[in-house]
Amino acid sequence: MKNFLVLIIAVISCNALKAQTVSLFNGKDLEGWEVFGTEKWYVEDGLLICESGPDAGYGYLGTEREYKNFILDLDFKQEADGNSGVFIRSSVEGTTVSGWQVEVAPPGKFTGGVYESYGRQWLKKPKLEKDAALKFGDWNHMTIKVDGKQITSWLNGTEMVSFKDRIIGKGEGSILLQIHDGGGINVKWKNIELTPLD
């Protein structure tokens, strides 16, 4: 009987956690998001796509809501140049971003590392051998956990970086997807889901 009750409690707890998970992308349009810059963000065949525009500048797609502590899961596929990223606790003025980026980039460019734009730059790069986890030109699954001052990233099940930073711990803001400047960039996204930890 005791084991049965433990099982019931575990199932209820699991269902409660699932109930908290929300989809940030509805597969139809950009509802819940805001575009920054002139680069292209659109939905096609249920996928969120970012492409370089005529200005070949930086561009961002940010959630209208702010998120502090969470687990973010998403899938991305890099076509052509895949230099992009996922910002956490961040804000944008024009196309100037303030916050922290979990890198999404071509091979050898530290996908999964954490970079502070217009600040301290690279805070943590994954070891070079971990780059083997990246499937360039195919779908990749990324998980980002942000809890207080601790940030951890995984790529296709491989932990890329994990560290604590007091400045990140004080950060506030939205989740942003980035398109890098330079032109020729195309990245597809899907299954963008967030589980709050608060």
N, C-alpha and C. Protein backbone atom coordinates (compact mmCIF):
# COMPACT_ATOMS: atom_id res chain seq x y z
N MET A 1 0.83 -1.20 0.00
CA MET A 1 0.00 0.00 0.00
C MET A 1 0.87 1.26 0.00
N LYS A 2 1.94 1.23 0.83
CA LYS A 2 2.84 2.38 0.90
C LYS A 2 3.50 2.65 -0.44
N ASN A 3 3.97 1.58 -1.10
CA ASN A 3 4.61 1.73 -2.42
C ASN A 3 3.62 2.28 -3.44
N PHE A 4 2.37 1.85 -3.33
CA PHE A 4 1.33 2.32 -4.24
C PHE A 4 1.11 3.83 -4.09
N LEU A 5 1.08 4.29 -2.84
CA LEU A 5 0.90 5.72 -2.57
C LEU A 5 2.09 6.54 -3.09
N VAL A 6 3.28 6.00 -2.91
CA VAL A 6 4.48 6.67 -3.42
C VAL A 6 4.40 6.81 -4.93
N LEU A 7 3.92 5.76 -5.60
CA LEU A 7 3.79 5.78 -7.05
C LEU A 7 2.77 6.82 -7.48
N ILE A 8 1.63 6.89 -6.78
CA ILE A 8 0.60 7.87 -7.11
C ILE A 8 1.13 9.29 -6.96
N ILE A 9 1.85 9.55 -5.88
CA ILE A 9 2.43 10.87 -5.65
C ILE A 9 3.43 11.23 -6.75
N ALA A 10 4.23 10.25 -7.15
CA ALA A 10 5.22 10.49 -8.22
C ALA A 10 4.54 10.83 -9.53
N VAL A 11 3.45 10.12 -9.84
CA VAL A 11 2.71 10.39 -11.08
C VAL A 11 2.09 11.77 -11.05
N ILE A 12 1.49 12.13 -9.90
CA ILE A 12 0.90 13.46 -9.76
C ILE A 12 1.96 14.55 -9.91
N SER A 13 3.12 14.36 -9.30
CA SER A 13 4.22 15.33 -9.39
C SER A 13 4.70 15.47 -10.82
N CYS A 14 4.80 14.35 -11.52
CA CYS A 14 5.25 14.36 -12.92
C CYS A 14 4.25 15.10 -13.79
N ASN A 15 2.97 14.85 -13.59
CA ASN A 15 1.93 15.52 -14.36
C ASN A 15 1.90 17.01 -14.07
N ALA A 16 2.15 17.37 -12.80
CA ALA A 16 2.18 18.79 -12.43
C ALA A 16 3.32 19.50 -13.15
N LEU A 17 4.48 18.83 -13.26
CA LEU A 17 5.62 19.42 -13.96
C LEU A 17 5.30 19.61 -15.43
N LYS A 18 4.68 18.59 -16.04
CA LYS A 18 4.31 18.68 -17.45
C LYS A 18 3.33 19.82 -17.68
N ALA A 19 2.41 20.00 -16.72
CA ALA A 19 1.40 21.04 -16.86
C ALA A 19 2.04 22.43 -16.85
N GLN A 20 3.19 22.56 -16.21
CA GLN A 20 3.87 23.85 -16.15
C GLN A 20 4.59 24.19 -17.45
N THR A 21 4.96 23.19 -18.21
CA THR A 21 5.71 23.42 -19.45
C THR A 21 4.81 24.11 -20.48
N VAL A 22 5.33 25.20 -21.05
CA VAL A 22 4.55 25.95 -22.03
C VAL A 22 5.31 26.01 -23.35
N SER A 23 4.56 26.04 -24.44
CA SER A 23 5.15 26.19 -25.76
C SER A 23 5.26 27.67 -26.08
N LEU A 24 6.44 28.13 -26.44
CA LEU A 24 6.65 29.53 -26.77
C LEU A 24 6.40 29.83 -28.24
N PHE A 25 6.31 28.79 -29.06
CA PHE A 25 6.09 28.95 -30.50
C PHE A 25 4.93 28.06 -30.91
N ASN A 26 3.89 28.67 -31.49
CA ASN A 26 2.67 27.93 -31.81
C ASN A 26 2.68 27.23 -33.17
N GLY A 27 3.76 27.38 -33.94
CA GLY A 27 3.86 26.71 -35.23
C GLY A 27 3.06 27.36 -36.34
N LYS A 28 2.42 28.50 -36.04
CA LYS A 28 1.57 29.16 -37.04
C LYS A 28 2.01 30.59 -37.36
N ASP A 29 2.40 31.33 -36.32
CA ASP A 29 2.77 32.73 -36.50
C ASP A 29 3.70 33.17 -35.37
N LEU A 30 3.97 34.46 -35.30
CA LEU A 30 4.92 34.99 -34.30
C LEU A 30 4.20 35.54 -33.07
N GLU A 31 3.03 35.03 -32.77
CA GLU A 31 2.30 35.46 -31.58
C GLU A 31 3.15 35.23 -30.33
N GLY A 32 3.23 36.27 -29.49
CA GLY A 32 4.03 36.18 -28.26
C GLY A 32 5.47 36.60 -28.43
N TRP A 33 5.83 37.00 -29.67
CA TRP A 33 7.21 37.39 -29.96
C TRP A 33 7.25 38.80 -30.55
N GLU A 34 8.40 39.44 -30.48
CA GLU A 34 8.61 40.77 -31.04
C GLU A 34 9.89 40.78 -31.86
N VAL A 35 9.81 41.37 -33.06
CA VAL A 35 10.97 41.42 -33.97
C VAL A 35 11.77 42.70 -33.72
N PHE A 36 13.09 42.55 -33.67
CA PHE A 36 14.01 43.69 -33.55
C PHE A 36 14.97 43.66 -34.73
N GLY A 37 15.03 44.77 -35.48
CA GLY A 37 15.91 44.82 -36.64
C GLY A 37 15.17 44.53 -37.93
N THR A 38 15.91 44.49 -39.03
CA THR A 38 15.31 44.32 -40.36
C THR A 38 15.52 42.93 -40.95
N GLU A 39 16.13 42.02 -40.18
CA GLU A 39 16.34 40.67 -40.70
C GLU A 39 15.00 39.92 -40.71
N LYS A 40 14.95 38.82 -41.42
CA LYS A 40 13.68 38.14 -41.68
C LYS A 40 13.38 37.05 -40.64
N TRP A 41 12.18 37.11 -40.07
CA TRP A 41 11.65 36.09 -39.16
C TRP A 41 10.26 35.73 -39.67
N TYR A 42 10.04 34.46 -39.99
CA TYR A 42 8.73 34.06 -40.51
C TYR A 42 8.49 32.58 -40.22
N VAL A 43 7.23 32.16 -40.42
CA VAL A 43 6.83 30.78 -40.16
C VAL A 43 6.46 30.12 -41.48
N GLU A 44 7.01 28.92 -41.69
CA GLU A 44 6.73 28.16 -42.92
C GLU A 44 6.71 26.67 -42.60
N ASP A 45 5.65 26.01 -42.98
CA ASP A 45 5.52 24.55 -42.73
C ASP A 45 5.71 24.21 -41.26
N GLY A 46 5.20 25.06 -40.38
CA GLY A 46 5.27 24.80 -38.95
C GLY A 46 6.61 25.10 -38.31
N LEU A 47 7.53 25.67 -39.08
CA LEU A 47 8.87 25.98 -38.58
C LEU A 47 9.06 27.49 -38.46
N LEU A 48 9.80 27.91 -37.45
CA LEU A 48 10.21 29.30 -37.31
C LEU A 48 11.55 29.46 -38.03
N ILE A 49 11.61 30.40 -38.96
CA ILE A 49 12.81 30.55 -39.79
C ILE A 49 13.37 31.96 -39.65
N CYS A 50 14.69 32.04 -39.51
CA CYS A 50 15.35 33.34 -39.55
C CYS A 50 16.34 33.34 -40.71
N GLU A 51 16.31 34.46 -41.45
CA GLU A 51 17.20 34.63 -42.61
C GLU A 51 17.77 36.03 -42.60
N SER A 52 18.97 36.16 -43.14
CA SER A 52 19.55 37.48 -43.31
C SER A 52 18.69 38.29 -44.28
N GLY A 53 18.50 39.56 -43.96
CA GLY A 53 17.78 40.48 -44.83
C GLY A 53 18.74 41.31 -45.65
N PRO A 54 18.23 42.30 -46.37
CA PRO A 54 19.06 43.13 -47.24
C PRO A 54 20.11 43.95 -46.50
N ASP A 55 19.86 44.24 -45.22
CA ASP A 55 20.83 45.02 -44.44
C ASP A 55 21.96 44.15 -43.90
N ALA A 56 21.77 42.83 -43.90
CA ALA A 56 22.78 41.88 -43.40
C ALA A 56 23.30 42.30 -42.03
N GLY A 57 22.37 42.72 -41.17
CA GLY A 57 22.76 43.18 -39.83
C GLY A 57 22.34 42.20 -38.76
N TYR A 58 22.51 42.61 -37.51
CA TYR A 58 22.01 41.80 -36.40
C TYR A 58 20.49 41.88 -36.35
N GLY A 59 19.87 40.79 -35.95
CA GLY A 59 18.43 40.78 -35.76
C GLY A 59 18.07 39.89 -34.59
N TYR A 60 16.94 40.19 -33.95
CA TYR A 60 16.51 39.43 -32.78
C TYR A 60 15.01 39.21 -32.82
N LEU A 61 14.60 38.08 -32.28
CA LEU A 61 13.20 37.78 -32.06
C LEU A 61 13.05 37.48 -30.58
N GLY A 62 12.32 38.34 -29.87
CA GLY A 62 12.25 38.22 -28.41
C GLY A 62 10.86 37.89 -27.91
N THR A 63 10.80 37.15 -26.81
CA THR A 63 9.51 36.89 -26.18
C THR A 63 8.98 38.17 -25.57
N GLU A 64 7.66 38.35 -25.66
CA GLU A 64 7.04 39.53 -25.07
C GLU A 64 7.09 39.46 -23.54
N ARG A 65 7.10 38.25 -23.01
CA ARG A 65 7.20 38.06 -21.57
C ARG A 65 8.65 37.91 -21.13
N GLU A 66 8.93 38.23 -19.88
CA GLU A 66 10.24 38.01 -19.30
C GLU A 66 10.24 36.70 -18.51
N TYR A 67 11.39 36.02 -18.49
CA TYR A 67 11.53 34.75 -17.78
C TYR A 67 12.83 34.78 -16.99
N LYS A 68 12.76 34.36 -15.72
CA LYS A 68 13.92 34.43 -14.83
C LYS A 68 14.61 33.07 -14.69
N ASN A 69 13.93 32.12 -14.05
CA ASN A 69 14.48 30.79 -13.81
C ASN A 69 13.67 29.76 -14.58
N PHE A 70 14.34 28.96 -15.40
CA PHE A 70 13.60 28.07 -16.29
C PHE A 70 14.50 27.01 -16.91
N ILE A 71 13.85 26.03 -17.53
CA ILE A 71 14.51 25.09 -18.44
C ILE A 71 13.90 25.33 -19.81
N LEU A 72 14.74 25.63 -20.78
CA LEU A 72 14.29 25.89 -22.15
C LEU A 72 14.77 24.75 -23.05
N ASP A 73 13.83 24.15 -23.77
CA ASP A 73 14.16 23.11 -24.76
C ASP A 73 13.76 23.60 -26.13
N LEU A 74 14.61 23.37 -27.11
CA LEU A 74 14.28 23.74 -28.49
C LEU A 74 15.11 22.92 -29.46
N ASP A 75 14.63 22.89 -30.70
CA ASP A 75 15.35 22.23 -31.79
C ASP A 75 15.74 23.28 -32.82
N PHE A 76 16.94 23.17 -33.37
CA PHE A 76 17.38 24.09 -34.42
C PHE A 76 18.10 23.32 -35.52
N LYS A 77 18.03 23.89 -36.70
CA LYS A 77 18.70 23.33 -37.87
C LYS A 77 19.37 24.46 -38.62
N GLN A 78 20.68 24.34 -38.79
CA GLN A 78 21.46 25.39 -39.46
C GLN A 78 21.60 25.04 -40.94
N GLU A 79 21.20 25.98 -41.78
CA GLU A 79 21.41 25.84 -43.22
C GLU A 79 22.18 27.07 -43.69
N ALA A 80 23.05 26.88 -44.66
CA ALA A 80 23.98 27.94 -45.04
C ALA A 80 24.82 28.27 -43.81
N ASP A 81 25.08 29.53 -43.54
CA ASP A 81 25.81 29.90 -42.33
C ASP A 81 24.81 29.87 -41.18
N GLY A 82 25.14 29.16 -40.12
CA GLY A 82 24.20 29.02 -39.01
C GLY A 82 24.53 29.85 -37.80
N ASN A 83 25.19 31.00 -37.98
CA ASN A 83 25.61 31.78 -36.82
C ASN A 83 24.42 32.49 -36.19
N SER A 84 24.03 31.97 -35.01
CA SER A 84 22.84 32.46 -34.32
C SER A 84 23.06 32.30 -32.82
N GLY A 85 21.97 32.29 -32.06
CA GLY A 85 22.12 32.10 -30.63
C GLY A 85 20.81 32.27 -29.90
N VAL A 86 20.82 31.88 -28.62
CA VAL A 86 19.65 32.01 -27.75
C VAL A 86 20.07 32.86 -26.55
N PHE A 87 19.45 34.02 -26.41
CA PHE A 87 19.75 34.92 -25.29
C PHE A 87 18.79 34.65 -24.14
N ILE A 88 19.31 34.76 -22.92
CA ILE A 88 18.49 34.60 -21.72
C ILE A 88 18.58 35.88 -20.89
N ARG A 89 17.47 36.20 -20.18
CA ARG A 89 17.42 37.38 -19.31
C ARG A 89 17.98 38.61 -20.01
N SER A 90 17.48 38.88 -21.21
CA SER A 90 18.09 39.90 -22.06
C SER A 90 17.06 40.92 -22.55
N SER A 91 17.58 42.05 -23.02
CA SER A 91 16.74 43.11 -23.58
C SER A 91 17.42 43.69 -24.81
N VAL A 92 16.63 44.38 -25.64
CA VAL A 92 17.15 44.95 -26.89
C VAL A 92 16.68 46.39 -27.03
N GLU A 93 17.59 47.25 -27.45
CA GLU A 93 17.26 48.62 -27.85
C GLU A 93 17.71 48.77 -29.29
N GLY A 94 16.76 48.87 -30.23
CA GLY A 94 17.11 48.86 -31.65
C GLY A 94 17.61 47.48 -32.01
N THR A 95 18.91 47.35 -32.25
CA THR A 95 19.53 46.02 -32.42
C THR A 95 20.72 45.86 -31.49
N THR A 96 20.77 46.68 -30.42
CA THR A 96 21.81 46.54 -29.40
C THR A 96 21.25 45.73 -28.26
N VAL A 97 21.85 44.59 -28.01
CA VAL A 97 21.33 43.66 -27.02
C VAL A 97 22.11 43.76 -25.72
N SER A 98 21.42 43.56 -24.63
CA SER A 98 22.04 43.49 -23.31
C SER A 98 21.65 42.17 -22.68
N GLY A 99 22.63 41.30 -22.44
CA GLY A 99 22.32 40.00 -21.86
C GLY A 99 23.34 38.94 -22.23
N TRP A 100 22.90 37.68 -22.18
CA TRP A 100 23.80 36.54 -22.31
C TRP A 100 23.29 35.57 -23.35
N GLN A 101 24.19 35.19 -24.24
CA GLN A 101 23.85 34.33 -25.37
C GLN A 101 24.43 32.94 -25.20
N VAL A 102 23.56 31.95 -25.38
CA VAL A 102 24.04 30.57 -25.55
C VAL A 102 24.22 30.38 -27.05
N GLU A 103 25.46 30.17 -27.45
CA GLU A 103 25.86 30.21 -28.85
C GLU A 103 25.23 29.08 -29.67
N VAL A 104 24.77 29.44 -30.88
CA VAL A 104 24.39 28.49 -31.93
C VAL A 104 25.21 28.90 -33.14
N ALA A 105 26.12 28.05 -33.57
CA ALA A 105 27.09 28.48 -34.57
C ALA A 105 27.58 27.30 -35.41
N PRO A 106 28.28 27.58 -36.53
CA PRO A 106 28.86 26.51 -37.34
C PRO A 106 29.91 25.72 -36.55
N PRO A 107 30.34 24.59 -37.08
CA PRO A 107 31.35 23.77 -36.40
C PRO A 107 32.59 24.58 -36.03
N GLY A 108 33.12 24.31 -34.84
CA GLY A 108 34.33 24.97 -34.39
C GLY A 108 34.13 26.35 -33.80
N LYS A 109 32.86 26.79 -33.68
CA LYS A 109 32.57 28.14 -33.19
C LYS A 109 31.88 28.13 -31.83
N PHE A 110 32.02 27.04 -31.08
CA PHE A 110 31.63 26.97 -29.66
C PHE A 110 30.13 27.00 -29.40
N THR A 111 29.36 26.26 -30.21
CA THR A 111 27.93 26.10 -29.92
C THR A 111 27.76 25.57 -28.49
N GLY A 112 26.83 26.19 -27.77
CA GLY A 112 26.59 25.81 -26.38
C GLY A 112 27.35 26.64 -25.37
N GLY A 113 28.34 27.42 -25.85
CA GLY A 113 29.06 28.31 -24.95
C GLY A 113 28.23 29.54 -24.61
N VAL A 114 28.67 30.30 -23.62
CA VAL A 114 27.93 31.48 -23.17
C VAL A 114 28.76 32.74 -23.39
N TYR A 115 28.14 33.71 -24.07
CA TYR A 115 28.82 34.94 -24.48
C TYR A 115 28.01 36.14 -23.98
N GLU A 116 28.70 37.11 -23.42
CA GLU A 116 28.06 38.35 -22.97
C GLU A 116 28.33 39.46 -23.97
N SER A 117 27.26 39.85 -24.71
CA SER A 117 27.41 40.88 -25.74
C SER A 117 27.62 42.25 -25.12
N TYR A 118 28.49 43.05 -25.75
CA TYR A 118 28.79 44.41 -25.30
C TYR A 118 29.23 44.43 -23.84
N GLY A 119 29.92 43.36 -23.42
CA GLY A 119 30.37 43.28 -22.04
C GLY A 119 31.64 42.47 -21.92
N ARG A 120 31.57 41.40 -21.15
CA ARG A 120 32.76 40.59 -20.87
C ARG A 120 33.08 39.58 -21.96
N GLN A 121 32.26 39.53 -23.00
CA GLN A 121 32.42 38.62 -24.14
C GLN A 121 32.32 37.16 -23.68
N TRP A 122 33.22 36.28 -24.08
CA TRP A 122 33.08 34.87 -23.72
C TRP A 122 33.21 34.66 -22.21
N LEU A 123 32.18 34.08 -21.63
CA LEU A 123 32.24 33.72 -20.21
C LEU A 123 32.64 32.26 -20.03
N LYS A 124 32.19 31.42 -20.96
CA LYS A 124 32.54 29.99 -20.87
C LYS A 124 32.40 29.36 -22.25
N LYS A 125 33.49 28.77 -22.74
CA LYS A 125 33.46 28.03 -24.00
C LYS A 125 33.47 26.53 -23.69
N PRO A 126 32.72 25.73 -24.46
CA PRO A 126 32.83 24.28 -24.28
C PRO A 126 34.19 23.79 -24.78
N LYS A 127 34.63 22.67 -24.24
CA LYS A 127 35.86 22.07 -24.73
C LYS A 127 35.71 21.70 -26.20
N LEU A 128 36.80 21.80 -26.95
CA LEU A 128 36.75 21.61 -28.39
C LEU A 128 36.19 20.24 -28.78
N GLU A 129 36.49 19.21 -27.98
CA GLU A 129 36.02 17.88 -28.34
C GLU A 129 34.50 17.75 -28.23
N LYS A 130 33.86 18.64 -27.49
CA LYS A 130 32.41 18.59 -27.37
C LYS A 130 31.70 19.08 -28.63
N ASP A 131 32.44 19.72 -29.50
CA ASP A 131 31.86 20.19 -30.76
C ASP A 131 31.34 19.03 -31.61
N ALA A 132 31.80 17.81 -31.33
CA ALA A 132 31.33 16.63 -32.06
C ALA A 132 29.84 16.38 -31.85
N ALA A 133 29.26 16.99 -30.81
CA ALA A 133 27.83 16.82 -30.55
C ALA A 133 26.97 17.56 -31.56
N LEU A 134 27.54 18.56 -32.24
CA LEU A 134 26.79 19.37 -33.20
C LEU A 134 26.57 18.61 -34.51
N LYS A 135 25.33 18.60 -34.99
CA LYS A 135 24.99 18.00 -36.28
C LYS A 135 24.66 19.12 -37.25
N PHE A 136 25.69 19.66 -37.87
CA PHE A 136 25.48 20.80 -38.78
C PHE A 136 24.68 20.36 -40.00
N GLY A 137 23.65 21.14 -40.34
CA GLY A 137 22.80 20.80 -41.48
C GLY A 137 21.69 19.84 -41.14
N ASP A 138 21.61 19.41 -39.88
CA ASP A 138 20.55 18.51 -39.43
C ASP A 138 19.93 19.10 -38.16
N TRP A 139 18.87 18.47 -37.67
CA TRP A 139 18.22 18.97 -36.47
C TRP A 139 19.05 18.66 -35.23
N ASN A 140 19.15 19.65 -34.36
CA ASN A 140 19.84 19.53 -33.07
C ASN A 140 18.87 19.89 -31.96
N HIS A 141 19.04 19.24 -30.80
CA HIS A 141 18.22 19.58 -29.64
C HIS A 141 19.10 20.27 -28.60
N MET A 142 18.67 21.44 -28.18
CA MET A 142 19.40 22.19 -27.16
C MET A 142 18.53 22.36 -25.92
N THR A 143 19.13 22.20 -24.75
CA THR A 143 18.49 22.47 -23.48
C THR A 143 19.32 23.49 -22.72
N ILE A 144 18.65 24.51 -22.19
CA ILE A 144 19.31 25.54 -21.41
C ILE A 144 18.59 25.63 -20.06
N LYS A 145 19.35 25.48 -18.99
CA LYS A 145 18.78 25.61 -17.65
C LYS A 145 19.39 26.84 -16.97
N VAL A 146 18.53 27.74 -16.53
CA VAL A 146 18.95 28.95 -15.85
C VAL A 146 18.25 28.99 -14.51
N ASP A 147 19.02 28.93 -13.44
CA ASP A 147 18.44 28.89 -12.09
C ASP A 147 19.32 29.72 -11.16
N GLY A 148 18.84 30.90 -10.79
CA GLY A 148 19.66 31.80 -10.00
C GLY A 148 20.88 32.24 -10.78
N LYS A 149 22.06 32.01 -10.23
CA LYS A 149 23.29 32.39 -10.93
C LYS A 149 23.94 31.22 -11.67
N GLN A 150 23.23 30.06 -11.72
CA GLN A 150 23.76 28.87 -12.40
C GLN A 150 23.15 28.77 -13.79
N ILE A 151 23.99 28.55 -14.79
CA ILE A 151 23.53 28.32 -16.16
C ILE A 151 24.22 27.09 -16.72
N THR A 152 23.43 26.21 -17.35
CA THR A 152 23.95 24.97 -17.93
C THR A 152 23.33 24.80 -19.31
N SER A 153 24.12 24.35 -20.26
CA SER A 153 23.61 24.08 -21.61
C SER A 153 23.96 22.65 -22.02
N TRP A 154 23.04 22.03 -22.75
CA TRP A 154 23.24 20.71 -23.32
C TRP A 154 22.95 20.76 -24.81
N LEU A 155 23.71 20.02 -25.59
CA LEU A 155 23.48 19.90 -27.03
C LEU A 155 23.38 18.42 -27.37
N ASN A 156 22.21 18.03 -27.83
CA ASN A 156 21.97 16.62 -28.17
C ASN A 156 22.39 15.67 -27.04
N GLY A 157 22.07 16.09 -25.81
CA GLY A 157 22.35 15.26 -24.64
C GLY A 157 23.72 15.42 -24.03
N THR A 158 24.60 16.16 -24.69
CA THR A 158 25.96 16.40 -24.17
C THR A 158 26.00 17.72 -23.41
N GLU A 159 26.42 17.67 -22.15
CA GLU A 159 26.57 18.92 -21.41
C GLU A 159 27.71 19.72 -22.01
N MET A 160 27.42 20.95 -22.43
CA MET A 160 28.44 21.78 -23.08
C MET A 160 29.17 22.67 -22.07
N VAL A 161 28.41 23.41 -21.24
CA VAL A 161 29.01 24.22 -20.19
C VAL A 161 28.08 24.24 -18.98
N SER A 162 28.66 24.48 -17.81
CA SER A 162 27.88 24.67 -16.59
C SER A 162 28.72 25.49 -15.63
N PHE A 163 28.18 26.63 -15.19
CA PHE A 163 28.95 27.49 -14.30
C PHE A 163 28.02 28.47 -13.59
N LYS A 164 28.55 29.14 -12.59
CA LYS A 164 27.81 30.15 -11.84
C LYS A 164 28.40 31.52 -12.12
N ASP A 165 27.52 32.52 -12.20
CA ASP A 165 27.97 33.88 -12.45
C ASP A 165 27.04 34.84 -11.72
N ARG A 166 27.58 35.64 -10.83
CA ARG A 166 26.74 36.49 -9.98
C ARG A 166 26.03 37.57 -10.80
N ILE A 167 26.64 38.03 -11.89
CA ILE A 167 26.00 39.07 -12.71
C ILE A 167 24.81 38.48 -13.47
N ILE A 168 24.98 37.30 -14.03
CA ILE A 168 23.85 36.61 -14.66
C ILE A 168 22.74 36.40 -13.64
N GLY A 169 23.13 36.08 -12.40
CA GLY A 169 22.16 35.85 -11.34
C GLY A 169 21.26 37.05 -11.08
N LYS A 170 21.77 38.25 -11.33
CA LYS A 170 20.99 39.47 -11.12
C LYS A 170 20.21 39.88 -12.38
N GLY A 171 20.42 39.17 -13.48
CA GLY A 171 19.83 39.56 -14.75
C GLY A 171 18.32 39.43 -14.80
N GLU A 172 17.70 40.29 -15.60
CA GLU A 172 16.26 40.27 -15.84
C GLU A 172 16.04 40.45 -17.34
N GLY A 173 15.00 39.81 -17.87
CA GLY A 173 14.69 40.05 -19.27
C GLY A 173 14.03 38.89 -19.97
N SER A 174 14.01 38.97 -21.27
CA SER A 174 13.30 38.03 -22.12
C SER A 174 14.24 36.97 -22.69
N ILE A 175 13.64 36.04 -23.42
CA ILE A 175 14.39 35.08 -24.23
C ILE A 175 14.41 35.62 -25.65
N LEU A 176 15.60 35.64 -26.25
CA LEU A 176 15.76 36.18 -27.60
C LEU A 176 16.46 35.15 -28.48
N LEU A 177 15.99 35.02 -29.71
CA LEU A 177 16.73 34.29 -30.73
C LEU A 177 17.47 35.33 -31.57
N GLN A 178 18.70 35.01 -31.95
CA GLN A 178 19.53 35.97 -32.67
C GLN A 178 19.83 35.50 -34.08
N ILE A 179 19.97 36.48 -34.98
CA ILE A 179 20.60 36.22 -36.27
C ILE A 179 21.82 37.15 -36.34
N HIS A 180 22.97 36.58 -36.62
CA HIS A 180 24.23 37.34 -36.62
C HIS A 180 24.30 38.24 -37.85
N ASP A 181 25.14 39.24 -37.77
CA ASP A 181 25.33 40.10 -38.94
C ASP A 181 26.24 39.40 -39.96
N GLY A 182 26.35 39.98 -41.12
CA GLY A 182 27.24 39.45 -42.16
C GLY A 182 26.54 38.88 -43.37
N GLY A 183 25.25 38.54 -43.23
CA GLY A 183 24.50 38.02 -44.38
C GLY A 183 24.67 36.53 -44.59
N GLY A 184 23.78 35.96 -45.40
CA GLY A 184 23.89 34.55 -45.79
C GLY A 184 23.49 33.55 -44.73
N ILE A 185 22.78 33.99 -43.69
CA ILE A 185 22.46 33.11 -42.56
C ILE A 185 21.04 32.58 -42.69
N ASN A 186 20.86 31.30 -42.38
CA ASN A 186 19.54 30.68 -42.38
C ASN A 186 19.50 29.63 -41.28
N VAL A 187 18.60 29.79 -40.33
CA VAL A 187 18.43 28.84 -39.23
C VAL A 187 16.95 28.57 -39.04
N LYS A 188 16.59 27.31 -38.86
CA LYS A 188 15.21 26.92 -38.60
C LYS A 188 15.08 26.48 -37.14
N TRP A 189 13.90 26.72 -36.56
CA TRP A 189 13.63 26.42 -35.16
C TRP A 189 12.29 25.72 -35.03
N LYS A 190 12.16 24.87 -34.02
CA LYS A 190 10.86 24.25 -33.72
C LYS A 190 10.89 23.73 -32.27
N ASN A 191 9.71 23.33 -31.78
CA ASN A 191 9.57 22.71 -30.45
C ASN A 191 10.22 23.57 -29.36
N ILE A 192 9.88 24.85 -29.33
CA ILE A 192 10.44 25.77 -28.34
C ILE A 192 9.55 25.73 -27.10
N GLU A 193 10.03 25.06 -26.05
CA GLU A 193 9.22 24.85 -24.85
C GLU A 193 9.97 25.28 -23.59
N LEU A 194 9.24 25.87 -22.68
CA LEU A 194 9.84 26.40 -21.45
C LEU A 194 9.13 25.85 -20.22
N THR A 195 9.92 25.41 -19.26
CA THR A 195 9.41 24.95 -17.97
C THR A 195 9.93 25.90 -16.89
N PRO A 196 9.04 26.73 -16.30
CA PRO A 196 9.47 27.63 -15.23
C PRO A 196 9.97 26.85 -14.02
N LEU A 197 10.95 27.41 -13.33
CA LEU A 197 11.48 26.79 -12.12
C LEU A 197 11.05 27.55 -10.86
N ASP A 198 10.32 28.64 -11.02
CA ASP A 198 9.85 29.42 -9.88
C ASP A 198 8.50 28.93 -9.41
